[in-house]
Amino acid sequence: VQLQASGGGLVQPGGSLRLSCAAAGFNFRLNTLGWYRQAPGKQREFVANITSGHSTAYADSVKGRFTISRDNVRNTLYLQMGNLKPEDTAVHYCKTVYRYRNYWGQGTLVTVSS
């Protein structure tokens, strides 16, 4: 299983960014996939997930600002982030579970600052 996250960067407050996570090594369309993040000095936290049936769930802190989606042809997970705030600054990770084991991407840093 391989997960490769990308798309992070520096953005001003109120700006937007789209993260991508390219996946390989498992049947992508059958898996629930998620985004998590870890801010400096804090524990990793849930951001959003999407099931094989395209049902979605979001952390309260990002609800209404972030949208998770998936492309089962390109085997890619996305996180569209809008109205970004300084408190969104974190390393963002994609995750899936395969054969009862957690798999994480390497993380991509999002920095929200003026």
PDB file of N, CA and C in Angstrom:
ATOM      1  N   VAL A   1       0.863  -1.191   0.000  1.00  0.00           N
ATOM      2  CA  VAL A   1       0.000   0.000   0.000  1.00  0.00           C
ATOM      3  C   VAL A   1       0.891   1.230   0.000  1.00  0.00           C
ATOM      4  N   GLN A   2       0.603   2.144  -0.913  1.00  0.00           N
ATOM      5  CA  GLN A   2       1.344   3.405  -0.978  1.00  0.00           C
ATOM      6  C   GLN A   2       0.372   4.562  -1.061  1.00  0.00           C
ATOM      7  N   LEU A   3       0.646   5.590  -0.266  1.00  0.00           N
ATOM      8  CA  LEU A   3      -0.133   6.818  -0.279  1.00  0.00           C
ATOM      9  C   LEU A   3       0.840   7.981  -0.398  1.00  0.00           C
ATOM     10  N   GLN A   4       0.630   8.820  -1.388  1.00  0.00           N
ATOM     11  CA  GLN A   4       1.533   9.936  -1.651  1.00  0.00           C
ATOM     12  C   GLN A   4       0.742  11.234  -1.634  1.00  0.00           C
ATOM     13  N   ALA A   5       0.904  12.000  -0.547  1.00  0.00           N
ATOM     14  CA  ALA A   5       0.178  13.262  -0.411  1.00  0.00           C
ATOM     15  C   ALA A   5       0.973  14.396  -1.030  1.00  0.00           C
ATOM     16  N   SER A   6       0.258  15.361  -1.576  1.00  0.00           N
ATOM     17  CA  SER A   6       0.896  16.532  -2.175  1.00  0.00           C
ATOM     18  C   SER A   6      -0.078  17.702  -2.166  1.00  0.00           C
ATOM     19  N   GLY A   7       0.439  18.881  -2.497  1.00  0.00           N
ATOM     20  CA  GLY A   7      -0.415  20.046  -2.646  1.00  0.00           C
ATOM     21  C   GLY A   7      -0.317  21.062  -1.534  1.00  0.00           C
ATOM     22  N   GLY A   8       0.445  20.763  -0.500  1.00  0.00           N
ATOM     23  CA  GLY A   8       0.592  21.718   0.587  1.00  0.00           C
ATOM     24  C   GLY A   8       1.390  22.934   0.165  1.00  0.00           C
ATOM     25  N   GLY A   9       1.388  23.933   1.026  1.00  0.00           N
ATOM     26  CA  GLY A   9       2.148  25.142   0.741  1.00  0.00           C
ATOM     27  C   GLY A   9       1.775  26.262   1.686  1.00  0.00           C
ATOM     28  N   LEU A  10       2.247  27.450   1.350  1.00  0.00           N
ATOM     29  CA  LEU A  10       1.968  28.645   2.142  1.00  0.00           C
ATOM     30  C   LEU A  10       0.804  29.396   1.509  1.00  0.00           C
ATOM     31  N   VAL A  11      -0.179  29.731   2.309  1.00  0.00           N
ATOM     32  CA  VAL A  11      -1.363  30.440   1.817  1.00  0.00           C
ATOM     33  C   VAL A  11      -1.773  31.484   2.854  1.00  0.00           C
ATOM     34  N   GLN A  12      -2.331  32.575   2.381  1.00  0.00           N
ATOM     35  CA  GLN A  12      -2.783  33.630   3.289  1.00  0.00           C
ATOM     36  C   GLN A  12      -4.120  33.258   3.923  1.00  0.00           C
ATOM     37  N   PRO A  13      -4.392  33.798   5.092  1.00  0.00           N
ATOM     38  CA  PRO A  13      -5.716  33.562   5.701  1.00  0.00           C
ATOM     39  C   PRO A  13      -6.829  33.936   4.731  1.00  0.00           C
ATOM     40  N   GLY A  14      -7.837  33.083   4.688  1.00  0.00           N
ATOM     41  CA  GLY A  14      -8.937  33.275   3.762  1.00  0.00           C
ATOM     42  C   GLY A  14      -8.720  32.623   2.419  1.00  0.00           C
ATOM     43  N   GLY A  15      -7.535  32.123   2.185  1.00  0.00           N
ATOM     44  CA  GLY A  15      -7.210  31.511   0.895  1.00  0.00           C
ATOM     45  C   GLY A  15      -7.658  30.069   0.797  1.00  0.00           C
ATOM     46  N   SER A  16      -7.342  29.464  -0.350  1.00  0.00           N
ATOM     47  CA  SER A  16      -7.751  28.091  -0.644  1.00  0.00           C
ATOM     48  C   SER A  16      -6.550  27.268  -1.079  1.00  0.00           C
ATOM     49  N   LEU A  17      -6.708  25.969  -0.918  1.00  0.00           N
ATOM     50  CA  LEU A  17      -5.657  25.035  -1.311  1.00  0.00           C
ATOM     51  C   LEU A  17      -6.317  23.685  -1.546  1.00  0.00           C
ATOM     52  N   ARG A  18      -5.791  22.920  -2.499  1.00  0.00           N
ATOM     53  CA  ARG A  18      -6.298  21.569  -2.713  1.00  0.00           C
ATOM     54  C   ARG A  18      -5.181  20.562  -2.505  1.00  0.00           C
ATOM     55  N   LEU A  19      -5.413  19.635  -1.608  1.00  0.00           N
ATOM     56  CA  LEU A  19      -4.474  18.544  -1.375  1.00  0.00           C
ATOM     57  C   LEU A  19      -4.888  17.333  -2.192  1.00  0.00           C
ATOM     58  N   SER A  20      -3.893  16.565  -2.616  1.00  0.00           N
ATOM     59  CA  SER A  20      -4.133  15.318  -3.331  1.00  0.00           C
ATOM     60  C   SER A  20      -3.398  14.181  -2.629  1.00  0.00           C
ATOM     61  N   CYS A  21      -3.930  12.996  -2.777  1.00  0.00           N
ATOM     62  CA  CYS A  21      -3.277  11.801  -2.234  1.00  0.00           C
ATOM     63  C   CYS A  21      -3.411  10.691  -3.262  1.00  0.00           C
ATOM     64  N   ALA A  22      -2.316  10.370  -3.918  1.00  0.00           N
ATOM     65  CA  ALA A  22      -2.296   9.309  -4.915  1.00  0.00           C
ATOM     66  C   ALA A  22      -2.080   7.970  -4.221  1.00  0.00           C
ATOM     67  N   ALA A  23      -2.896   6.991  -4.565  1.00  0.00           N
ATOM     68  CA  ALA A  23      -2.868   5.702  -3.871  1.00  0.00           C
ATOM     69  C   ALA A  23      -2.536   4.569  -4.825  1.00  0.00           C
ATOM     70  N   ALA A  24      -1.935   3.533  -4.273  1.00  0.00           N
ATOM     71  CA  ALA A  24      -1.606   2.338  -5.046  1.00  0.00           C
ATOM     72  C   ALA A  24      -1.464   1.152  -4.101  1.00  0.00           C
ATOM     73  N   GLY A  25      -1.659  -0.035  -4.651  1.00  0.00           N
ATOM     74  CA  GLY A  25      -1.392  -1.247  -3.888  1.00  0.00           C
ATOM     75  C   GLY A  25      -2.588  -1.870  -3.211  1.00  0.00           C
ATOM     76  N   PHE A  26      -3.763  -1.318  -3.429  1.00  0.00           N
ATOM     77  CA  PHE A  26      -4.985  -1.905  -2.871  1.00  0.00           C
ATOM     78  C   PHE A  26      -6.143  -1.497  -3.773  1.00  0.00           C
ATOM     79  N   ASN A  27      -7.307  -2.094  -3.518  1.00  0.00           N
ATOM     80  CA  ASN A  27      -8.477  -1.799  -4.339  1.00  0.00           C
ATOM     81  C   ASN A  27      -9.091  -0.484  -3.861  1.00  0.00           C
ATOM     82  N   PHE A  28      -8.604   0.594  -4.449  1.00  0.00           N
ATOM     83  CA  PHE A  28      -8.916   1.957  -3.986  1.00  0.00           C
ATOM     84  C   PHE A  28     -10.413   2.173  -3.815  1.00  0.00           C
ATOM     85  N   ARG A  29     -11.198   1.747  -4.793  1.00  0.00           N
ATOM     86  CA  ARG A  29     -12.618   2.114  -4.800  1.00  0.00           C
ATOM     87  C   ARG A  29     -13.393   1.453  -3.656  1.00  0.00           C
ATOM     88  N   LEU A  30     -12.829   0.430  -3.029  1.00  0.00           N
ATOM     89  CA  LEU A  30     -13.534  -0.280  -1.965  1.00  0.00           C
ATOM     90  C   LEU A  30     -13.215   0.254  -0.568  1.00  0.00           C
ATOM     91  N   ASN A  31     -12.231   1.142  -0.485  1.00  0.00           N
ATOM     92  CA  ASN A  31     -11.749   1.570   0.827  1.00  0.00           C
ATOM     93  C   ASN A  31     -12.292   2.918   1.268  1.00  0.00           C
ATOM     94  N   THR A  32     -12.506   3.049   2.562  1.00  0.00           N
ATOM     95  CA  THR A  32     -12.695   4.358   3.171  1.00  0.00           C
ATOM     96  C   THR A  32     -11.332   5.043   3.267  1.00  0.00           C
ATOM     97  N   LEU A  33     -11.309   6.329   2.946  1.00  0.00           N
ATOM     98  CA  LEU A  33     -10.071   7.099   2.969  1.00  0.00           C
ATOM     99  C   LEU A  33     -10.281   8.347   3.805  1.00  0.00           C
ATOM    100  N   GLY A  34      -9.220   8.798   4.435  1.00  0.00           N
ATOM    101  CA  GLY A  34      -9.373   9.962   5.289  1.00  0.00           C
ATOM    102  C   GLY A  34      -8.190  10.904   5.252  1.00  0.00           C
ATOM    103  N   TRP A  35      -8.446  12.114   5.719  1.00  0.00           N
ATOM    104  CA  TRP A  35      -7.402  13.121   5.931  1.00  0.00           C
ATOM    105  C   TRP A  35      -7.306  13.401   7.426  1.00  0.00           C
ATOM    106  N   TYR A  36      -6.082  13.499   7.900  1.00  0.00           N
ATOM    107  CA  TYR A  36      -5.787  13.856   9.275  1.00  0.00           C
ATOM    108  C   TYR A  36      -4.732  14.953   9.238  1.00  0.00           C
ATOM    109  N   ARG A  37      -4.553  15.632  10.369  1.00  0.00           N
ATOM    110  CA  ARG A  37      -3.516  16.653  10.411  1.00  0.00           C
ATOM    111  C   ARG A  37      -2.894  16.717  11.797  1.00  0.00           C
ATOM    112  N   GLN A  38      -1.673  17.208  11.816  1.00  0.00           N
ATOM    113  CA  GLN A  38      -0.955  17.356  13.075  1.00  0.00           C
ATOM    114  C   GLN A  38      -0.276  18.712  13.100  1.00  0.00           C
ATOM    115  N   ALA A  39      -0.743  19.553  14.003  1.00  0.00           N
ATOM    116  CA  ALA A  39      -0.156  20.876  14.173  1.00  0.00           C
ATOM    117  C   ALA A  39       1.057  20.772  15.103  1.00  0.00           C
ATOM    118  N   PRO A  40       1.963  21.734  15.037  1.00  0.00           N
ATOM    119  CA  PRO A  40       3.143  21.688  15.902  1.00  0.00           C
ATOM    120  C   PRO A  40       2.769  21.583  17.376  1.00  0.00           C
ATOM    121  N   GLY A  41       3.328  20.603  18.065  1.00  0.00           N
ATOM    122  CA  GLY A  41       3.079  20.442  19.480  1.00  0.00           C
ATOM    123  C   GLY A  41       1.743  19.826  19.846  1.00  0.00           C
ATOM    124  N   LYS A  42       1.003  19.375  18.838  1.00  0.00           N
ATOM    125  CA  LYS A  42      -0.315  18.798  19.101  1.00  0.00           C
ATOM    126  C   LYS A  42      -0.400  17.375  18.565  1.00  0.00           C
ATOM    127  N   GLN A  43      -1.429  16.669  18.996  1.00  0.00           N
ATOM    128  CA  GLN A  43      -1.643  15.317  18.510  1.00  0.00           C
ATOM    129  C   GLN A  43      -2.294  15.345  17.135  1.00  0.00           C
ATOM    130  N   ARG A  44      -2.091  14.265  16.407  1.00  0.00           N
ATOM    131  CA  ARG A  44      -2.743  14.135  15.108  1.00  0.00           C
ATOM    132  C   ARG A  44      -4.255  14.069  15.316  1.00  0.00           C
ATOM    133  N   GLU A  45      -4.991  14.764  14.449  1.00  0.00           N
ATOM    134  CA  GLU A  45      -6.440  14.802  14.596  1.00  0.00           C
ATOM    135  C   GLU A  45      -7.138  14.508  13.281  1.00  0.00           C
ATOM    136  N   PHE A  46      -8.346  14.013  13.387  1.00  0.00           N
ATOM    137  CA  PHE A  46      -9.186  13.715  12.233  1.00  0.00           C
ATOM    138  C   PHE A  46      -9.627  15.012  11.561  1.00  0.00           C
ATOM    139  N   VAL A  47      -9.621  15.004  10.232  1.00  0.00           N
ATOM    140  CA  VAL A  47     -10.125  16.141   9.459  1.00  0.00           C
ATOM    141  C   VAL A  47     -11.395  15.752   8.702  1.00  0.00           C
ATOM    142  N   ALA A  48     -11.319  14.684   7.894  1.00  0.00           N
ATOM    143  CA  ALA A  48     -12.457  14.276   7.089  1.00  0.00           C
ATOM    144  C   ALA A  48     -12.222  12.864   6.579  1.00  0.00           C
ATOM    145  N   ASN A  49     -13.313  12.169   6.251  1.00  0.00           N
ATOM    146  CA  ASN A  49     -13.166  10.906   5.547  1.00  0.00           C
ATOM    147  C   ASN A  49     -14.289  10.712   4.552  1.00  0.00           C
ATOM    148  N   ILE A  50     -14.083   9.743   3.663  1.00  0.00           N
ATOM    149  CA  ILE A  50     -15.052   9.446   2.614  1.00  0.00           C
ATOM    150  C   ILE A  50     -15.072   7.937   2.422  1.00  0.00           C
ATOM    151  N   THR A  51     -16.273   7.385   2.394  1.00  0.00           N
ATOM    152  CA  THR A  51     -16.416   5.935   2.261  1.00  0.00           C
ATOM    153  C   THR A  51     -16.414   5.515   0.792  1.00  0.00           C
ATOM    154  N   SER A  52     -16.464   4.216   0.586  1.00  0.00           N
ATOM    155  CA  SER A  52     -16.529   3.699  -0.779  1.00  0.00           C
ATOM    156  C   SER A  52     -17.815   4.136  -1.463  1.00  0.00           C
ATOM    157  N   GLY A  53     -18.838   4.401  -0.674  1.00  0.00           N
ATOM    158  CA  GLY A  53     -20.104   4.880  -1.222  1.00  0.00           C
ATOM    159  C   GLY A  53     -20.193   6.386  -1.295  1.00  0.00           C
ATOM    160  N   HIS A  54     -19.082   7.058  -1.070  1.00  0.00           N
ATOM    161  CA  HIS A  54     -18.966   8.513  -1.161  1.00  0.00           C
ATOM    162  C   HIS A  54     -19.676   9.252  -0.029  1.00  0.00           C
ATOM    163  N   SER A  55     -20.000   8.564   1.066  1.00  0.00           N
ATOM    164  CA  SER A  55     -20.471   9.268   2.252  1.00  0.00           C
ATOM    165  C   SER A  55     -19.293   9.961   2.905  1.00  0.00           C
ATOM    166  N   THR A  56     -19.539  11.145   3.444  1.00  0.00           N
ATOM    167  CA  THR A  56     -18.452  11.946   3.998  1.00  0.00           C
ATOM    168  C   THR A  56     -18.725  12.330   5.448  1.00  0.00           C
ATOM    169  N   ALA A  57     -17.643  12.598   6.163  1.00  0.00           N
ATOM    170  CA  ALA A  57     -17.734  13.094   7.532  1.00  0.00           C
ATOM    171  C   ALA A  57     -16.617  14.098   7.738  1.00  0.00           C
ATOM    172  N   TYR A  58     -16.884  15.101   8.565  1.00  0.00           N
ATOM    173  CA  TYR A  58     -15.911  16.178   8.783  1.00  0.00           C
ATOM    174  C   TYR A  58     -15.776  16.495  10.265  1.00  0.00           C
ATOM    175  N   ALA A  59     -14.594  16.934  10.643  1.00  0.00           N
ATOM    176  CA  ALA A  59     -14.414  17.516  11.963  1.00  0.00           C
ATOM    177  C   ALA A  59     -15.191  18.831  12.019  1.00  0.00           C
ATOM    178  N   ASP A  60     -15.697  19.150  13.192  1.00  0.00           N
ATOM    179  CA  ASP A  60     -16.475  20.389  13.324  1.00  0.00           C
ATOM    180  C   ASP A  60     -15.657  21.612  12.926  1.00  0.00           C
ATOM    181  N   SER A  61     -14.360  21.549  13.169  1.00  0.00           N
ATOM    182  CA  SER A  61     -13.501  22.709  12.912  1.00  0.00           C
ATOM    183  C   SER A  61     -13.357  23.038  11.430  1.00  0.00           C
ATOM    184  N   VAL A  62     -13.665  22.079  10.554  1.00  0.00           N
ATOM    185  CA  VAL A  62     -13.492  22.322   9.119  1.00  0.00           C
ATOM    186  C   VAL A  62     -14.804  22.245   8.356  1.00  0.00           C
ATOM    187  N   LYS A  63     -15.866  21.868   9.026  1.00  0.00           N
ATOM    188  CA  LYS A  63     -17.161  21.710   8.368  1.00  0.00           C
ATOM    189  C   LYS A  63     -17.579  23.016   7.719  1.00  0.00           C
ATOM    190  N   GLY A  64     -17.998  22.904   6.458  1.00  0.00           N
ATOM    191  CA  GLY A  64     -18.412  24.088   5.728  1.00  0.00           C
ATOM    192  C   GLY A  64     -17.278  24.804   5.011  1.00  0.00           C
ATOM    193  N   ARG A  65     -16.038  24.443   5.328  1.00  0.00           N
ATOM    194  CA  ARG A  65     -14.875  25.072   4.685  1.00  0.00           C
ATOM    195  C   ARG A  65     -14.093  24.084   3.819  1.00  0.00           C
ATOM    196  N   PHE A  66     -14.065  22.828   4.214  1.00  0.00           N
ATOM    197  CA  PHE A  66     -13.307  21.797   3.504  1.00  0.00           C
ATOM    198  C   PHE A  66     -14.263  20.824   2.829  1.00  0.00           C
ATOM    199  N   THR A  67     -13.822  20.276   1.693  1.00  0.00           N
ATOM    200  CA  THR A  67     -14.580  19.251   0.989  1.00  0.00           C
ATOM    201  C   THR A  67     -13.655  18.108   0.610  1.00  0.00           C
ATOM    202  N   ILE A  68     -14.015  16.908   1.030  1.00  0.00           N
ATOM    203  CA  ILE A  68     -13.248  15.720   0.669  1.00  0.00           C
ATOM    204  C   ILE A  68     -13.923  15.057  -0.521  1.00  0.00           C
ATOM    205  N   SER A  69     -13.109  14.534  -1.431  1.00  0.00           N
ATOM    206  CA  SER A  69     -13.658  13.841  -2.591  1.00  0.00           C
ATOM    207  C   SER A  69     -12.661  12.783  -3.050  1.00  0.00           C
ATOM    208  N   ARG A  70     -13.108  11.932  -3.951  1.00  0.00           N
ATOM    209  CA  ARG A  70     -12.257  10.862  -4.440  1.00  0.00           C
ATOM    210  C   ARG A  70     -12.495  10.639  -5.917  1.00  0.00           C
ATOM    211  N   ASP A  71     -11.470  10.197  -6.613  1.00  0.00           N
ATOM    212  CA  ASP A  71     -11.561   9.839  -8.024  1.00  0.00           C
ATOM    213  C   ASP A  71     -11.132   8.385  -8.129  1.00  0.00           C
ATOM    214  N   ASN A  72     -12.106   7.503  -8.309  1.00  0.00           N
ATOM    215  CA  ASN A  72     -11.820   6.070  -8.333  1.00  0.00           C
ATOM    216  C   ASN A  72     -11.185   5.612  -9.648  1.00  0.00           C
ATOM    217  N   VAL A  73     -11.126   6.480 -10.628  1.00  0.00           N
ATOM    218  CA  VAL A  73     -10.428   6.161 -11.878  1.00  0.00           C
ATOM    219  C   VAL A  73      -8.941   6.482 -11.717  1.00  0.00           C
ATOM    220  N   ARG A  74      -8.660   7.635 -11.151  1.00  0.00           N
ATOM    221  CA  ARG A  74      -7.269   8.063 -10.944  1.00  0.00           C
ATOM    222  C   ARG A  74      -6.684   7.549  -9.622  1.00  0.00           C
ATOM    223  N   ASN A  75      -7.494   6.840  -8.817  1.00  0.00           N
ATOM    224  CA  ASN A  75      -7.037   6.350  -7.502  1.00  0.00           C
ATOM    225  C   ASN A  75      -6.440   7.488  -6.676  1.00  0.00           C
ATOM    226  N   THR A  76      -7.183   8.573  -6.619  1.00  0.00           N
ATOM    227  CA  THR A  76      -6.694   9.766  -5.930  1.00  0.00           C
ATOM    228  C   THR A  76      -7.758  10.317  -4.997  1.00  0.00           C
ATOM    229  N   LEU A  77      -7.304  10.700  -3.826  1.00  0.00           N
ATOM    230  CA  LEU A  77      -8.136  11.343  -2.812  1.00  0.00           C
ATOM    231  C   LEU A  77      -7.812  12.831  -2.808  1.00  0.00           C
ATOM    232  N   TYR A  78      -8.817  13.664  -2.574  1.00  0.00           N
ATOM    233  CA  TYR A  78      -8.613  15.115  -2.563  1.00  0.00           C
ATOM    234  C   TYR A  78      -9.168  15.726  -1.282  1.00  0.00           C
ATOM    235  N   LEU A  79      -8.606  16.878  -0.950  1.00  0.00           N
ATOM    236  CA  LEU A  79      -9.169  17.707   0.105  1.00  0.00           C
ATOM    237  C   LEU A  79      -9.123  19.148  -0.376  1.00  0.00           C
ATOM    238  N   GLN A  80     -10.281  19.685  -0.713  1.00  0.00           N
ATOM    239  CA  GLN A  80     -10.378  21.083  -1.098  1.00  0.00           C
ATOM    240  C   GLN A  80     -10.584  21.898   0.173  1.00  0.00           C
ATOM    241  N   MET A  81      -9.653  22.803   0.439  1.00  0.00           N
ATOM    242  CA  MET A  81      -9.693  23.595   1.660  1.00  0.00           C
ATOM    243  C   MET A  81      -9.954  25.052   1.304  1.00  0.00           C
ATOM    244  N   GLY A  82     -10.947  25.646   1.951  1.00  0.00           N
ATOM    245  CA  GLY A  82     -11.268  27.030   1.695  1.00  0.00           C
ATOM    246  C   GLY A  82     -11.357  27.824   2.984  1.00  0.00           C
ATOM    247  N   ASN A  83     -11.349  29.157   2.840  1.00  0.00           N
ATOM    248  CA  ASN A  83     -11.410  30.060   3.998  1.00  0.00           C
ATOM    249  C   ASN A  83     -10.415  29.603   5.074  1.00  0.00           C
ATOM    250  N   LEU A  84      -9.194  29.387   4.633  1.00  0.00           N
ATOM    251  CA  LEU A  84      -8.186  28.852   5.547  1.00  0.00           C
ATOM    252  C   LEU A  84      -7.855  29.838   6.655  1.00  0.00           C
ATOM    253  N   LYS A  85      -7.580  29.265   7.825  1.00  0.00           N
ATOM    254  CA  LYS A  85      -7.277  30.044   9.017  1.00  0.00           C
ATOM    255  C   LYS A  85      -5.891  29.667   9.530  1.00  0.00           C
ATOM    256  N   PRO A  86      -5.252  30.544  10.291  1.00  0.00           N
ATOM    257  CA  PRO A  86      -3.931  30.194  10.837  1.00  0.00           C
ATOM    258  C   PRO A  86      -3.949  28.890  11.630  1.00  0.00           C
ATOM    259  N   GLU A  87      -5.062  28.591  12.279  1.00  0.00           N
ATOM    260  CA  GLU A  87      -5.138  27.350  13.063  1.00  0.00           C
ATOM    261  C   GLU A  87      -5.235  26.095  12.197  1.00  0.00           C
ATOM    262  N   ASP A  88      -5.351  26.259  10.884  1.00  0.00           N
ATOM    263  CA  ASP A  88      -5.300  25.120   9.969  1.00  0.00           C
ATOM    264  C   ASP A  88      -3.859  24.724   9.643  1.00  0.00           C
ATOM    265  N   THR A  89      -2.908  25.506  10.090  1.00  0.00           N
ATOM    266  CA  THR A  89      -1.504  25.192   9.850  1.00  0.00           C
ATOM    267  C   THR A  89      -1.154  23.852  10.487  1.00  0.00           C
ATOM    268  N   ALA A  90      -0.695  22.921   9.652  1.00  0.00           N
ATOM    269  CA  ALA A  90      -0.398  21.569  10.133  1.00  0.00           C
ATOM    270  C   ALA A  90       0.172  20.745   8.984  1.00  0.00           C
ATOM    271  N   VAL A  91       0.776  19.630   9.348  1.00  0.00           N
ATOM    272  CA  VAL A  91       1.100  18.614   8.353  1.00  0.00           C
ATOM    273  C   VAL A  91      -0.156  17.772   8.158  1.00  0.00           C
ATOM    274  N   HIS A  92      -0.577  17.646   6.919  1.00  0.00           N
ATOM    275  CA  HIS A  92      -1.790  16.913   6.584  1.00  0.00           C
ATOM    276  C   HIS A  92      -1.424  15.547   6.010  1.00  0.00           C
ATOM    277  N   TYR A  93      -2.083  14.522   6.510  1.00  0.00           N
ATOM    278  CA  TYR A  93      -1.810  13.144   6.124  1.00  0.00           C
ATOM    279  C   TYR A  93      -3.067  12.497   5.555  1.00  0.00           C
ATOM    280  N   CYS A  94      -2.891  11.656   4.533  1.00  0.00           N
ATOM    281  CA  CYS A  94      -3.980  10.806   4.087  1.00  0.00           C
ATOM    282  C   CYS A  94      -3.796   9.426   4.707  1.00  0.00           C
ATOM    283  N   LYS A  95      -4.904   8.737   4.854  1.00  0.00           N
ATOM    284  CA  LYS A  95      -4.879   7.460   5.566  1.00  0.00           C
ATOM    285  C   LYS A  95      -5.916   6.514   4.998  1.00  0.00           C
ATOM    286  N   THR A  96      -5.571   5.218   5.006  1.00  0.00           N
ATOM    287  CA  THR A  96      -6.560   4.196   4.747  1.00  0.00           C
ATOM    288  C   THR A  96      -6.272   2.997   5.640  1.00  0.00           C
ATOM    289  N   VAL A  97      -7.209   2.112   5.717  1.00  0.00           N
ATOM    290  CA  VAL A  97      -7.051   0.868   6.466  1.00  0.00           C
ATOM    291  C   VAL A  97      -7.161  -0.272   5.475  1.00  0.00           C
ATOM    292  N   TYR A  98      -6.173  -1.151   5.504  1.00  0.00           N
ATOM    293  CA  TYR A  98      -6.173  -2.283   4.582  1.00  0.00           C
ATOM    294  C   TYR A  98      -5.758  -3.508   5.358  1.00  0.00           C
ATOM    295  N   ARG A  99      -6.591  -4.514   5.327  1.00  0.00           N
ATOM    296  CA  ARG A  99      -6.334  -5.755   6.063  1.00  0.00           C
ATOM    297  C   ARG A  99      -6.025  -5.464   7.526  1.00  0.00           C
ATOM    298  N   TYR A 100      -6.866  -4.613   8.119  1.00  0.00           N
ATOM    299  CA  TYR A 100      -6.844  -4.283   9.547  1.00  0.00           C
ATOM    300  C   TYR A 100      -5.613  -3.494   9.968  1.00  0.00           C
ATOM    301  N   ARG A 101      -4.888  -2.927   9.006  1.00  0.00           N
ATOM    302  CA  ARG A 101      -3.700  -2.158   9.331  1.00  0.00           C
ATOM    303  C   ARG A 101      -3.855  -0.744   8.787  1.00  0.00           C
ATOM    304  N   ASN A 102      -3.431   0.244   9.570  1.00  0.00           N
ATOM    305  CA  ASN A 102      -3.461   1.641   9.128  1.00  0.00           C
ATOM    306  C   ASN A 102      -2.280   1.941   8.228  1.00  0.00           C
ATOM    307  N   TYR A 103      -2.567   2.636   7.132  1.00  0.00           N
ATOM    308  CA  TYR A 103      -1.514   3.095   6.230  1.00  0.00           C
ATOM    309  C   TYR A 103      -1.628   4.606   6.100  1.00  0.00           C
ATOM    310  N   TRP A 104      -0.482   5.283   6.216  1.00  0.00           N
ATOM    311  CA  TRP A 104      -0.443   6.741   6.172  1.00  0.00           C
ATOM    312  C   TRP A 104       0.439   7.218   5.023  1.00  0.00           C
ATOM    313  N   GLY A 105       0.028   8.316   4.414  1.00  0.00           N
ATOM    314  CA  GLY A 105       0.915   8.991   3.491  1.00  0.00           C
ATOM    315  C   GLY A 105       1.998   9.716   4.261  1.00  0.00           C
ATOM    316  N   GLN A 106       2.933  10.308   3.540  1.00  0.00           N
ATOM    317  CA  GLN A 106       4.090  10.916   4.196  1.00  0.00           C
ATOM    318  C   GLN A 106       3.794  12.306   4.755  1.00  0.00           C
ATOM    319  N   GLY A 107       2.666  12.882   4.426  1.00  0.00           N
ATOM    320  CA  GLY A 107       2.301  14.192   4.941  1.00  0.00           C
ATOM    321  C   GLY A 107       2.702  15.328   4.031  1.00  0.00           C
ATOM    322  N   THR A 108       1.871  16.351   4.010  1.00  0.00           N
ATOM    323  CA  THR A 108       2.171  17.560   3.255  1.00  0.00           C
ATOM    324  C   THR A 108       1.831  18.760   4.141  1.00  0.00           C
ATOM    325  N   LEU A 109       2.750  19.717   4.199  1.00  0.00           N
ATOM    326  CA  LEU A 109       2.626  20.832   5.136  1.00  0.00           C
ATOM    327  C   LEU A 109       1.780  21.948   4.551  1.00  0.00           C
ATOM    328  N   VAL A 110       0.789  22.352   5.316  1.00  0.00           N
ATOM    329  CA  VAL A 110      -0.025  23.511   4.987  1.00  0.00           C
ATOM    330  C   VAL A 110       0.273  24.596   6.016  1.00  0.00           C
ATOM    331  N   THR A 111       0.680  25.759   5.529  1.00  0.00           N
ATOM    332  CA  THR A 111       0.973  26.885   6.410  1.00  0.00           C
ATOM    333  C   THR A 111       0.075  28.046   6.022  1.00  0.00           C
ATOM    334  N   VAL A 112      -0.716  28.503   6.982  1.00  0.00           N
ATOM    335  CA  VAL A 112      -1.627  29.625   6.740  1.00  0.00           C
ATOM    336  C   VAL A 112      -1.098  30.822   7.521  1.00  0.00           C
ATOM    337  N   SER A 113      -0.617  31.797   6.786  1.00  0.00           N
ATOM    338  CA  SER A 113       0.013  32.944   7.436  1.00  0.00           C
ATOM    339  C   SER A 113       0.017  34.130   6.480  1.00  0.00           C
ATOM    340  N   SER A 114      -0.077  35.306   7.051  1.00  0.00           N
ATOM    341  CA  SER A 114       0.019  36.528   6.253  1.00  0.00           C
ATOM    342  C   SER A 114       1.460  37.035   6.227  1.00  0.00           C
TER     343      SER A 114
END
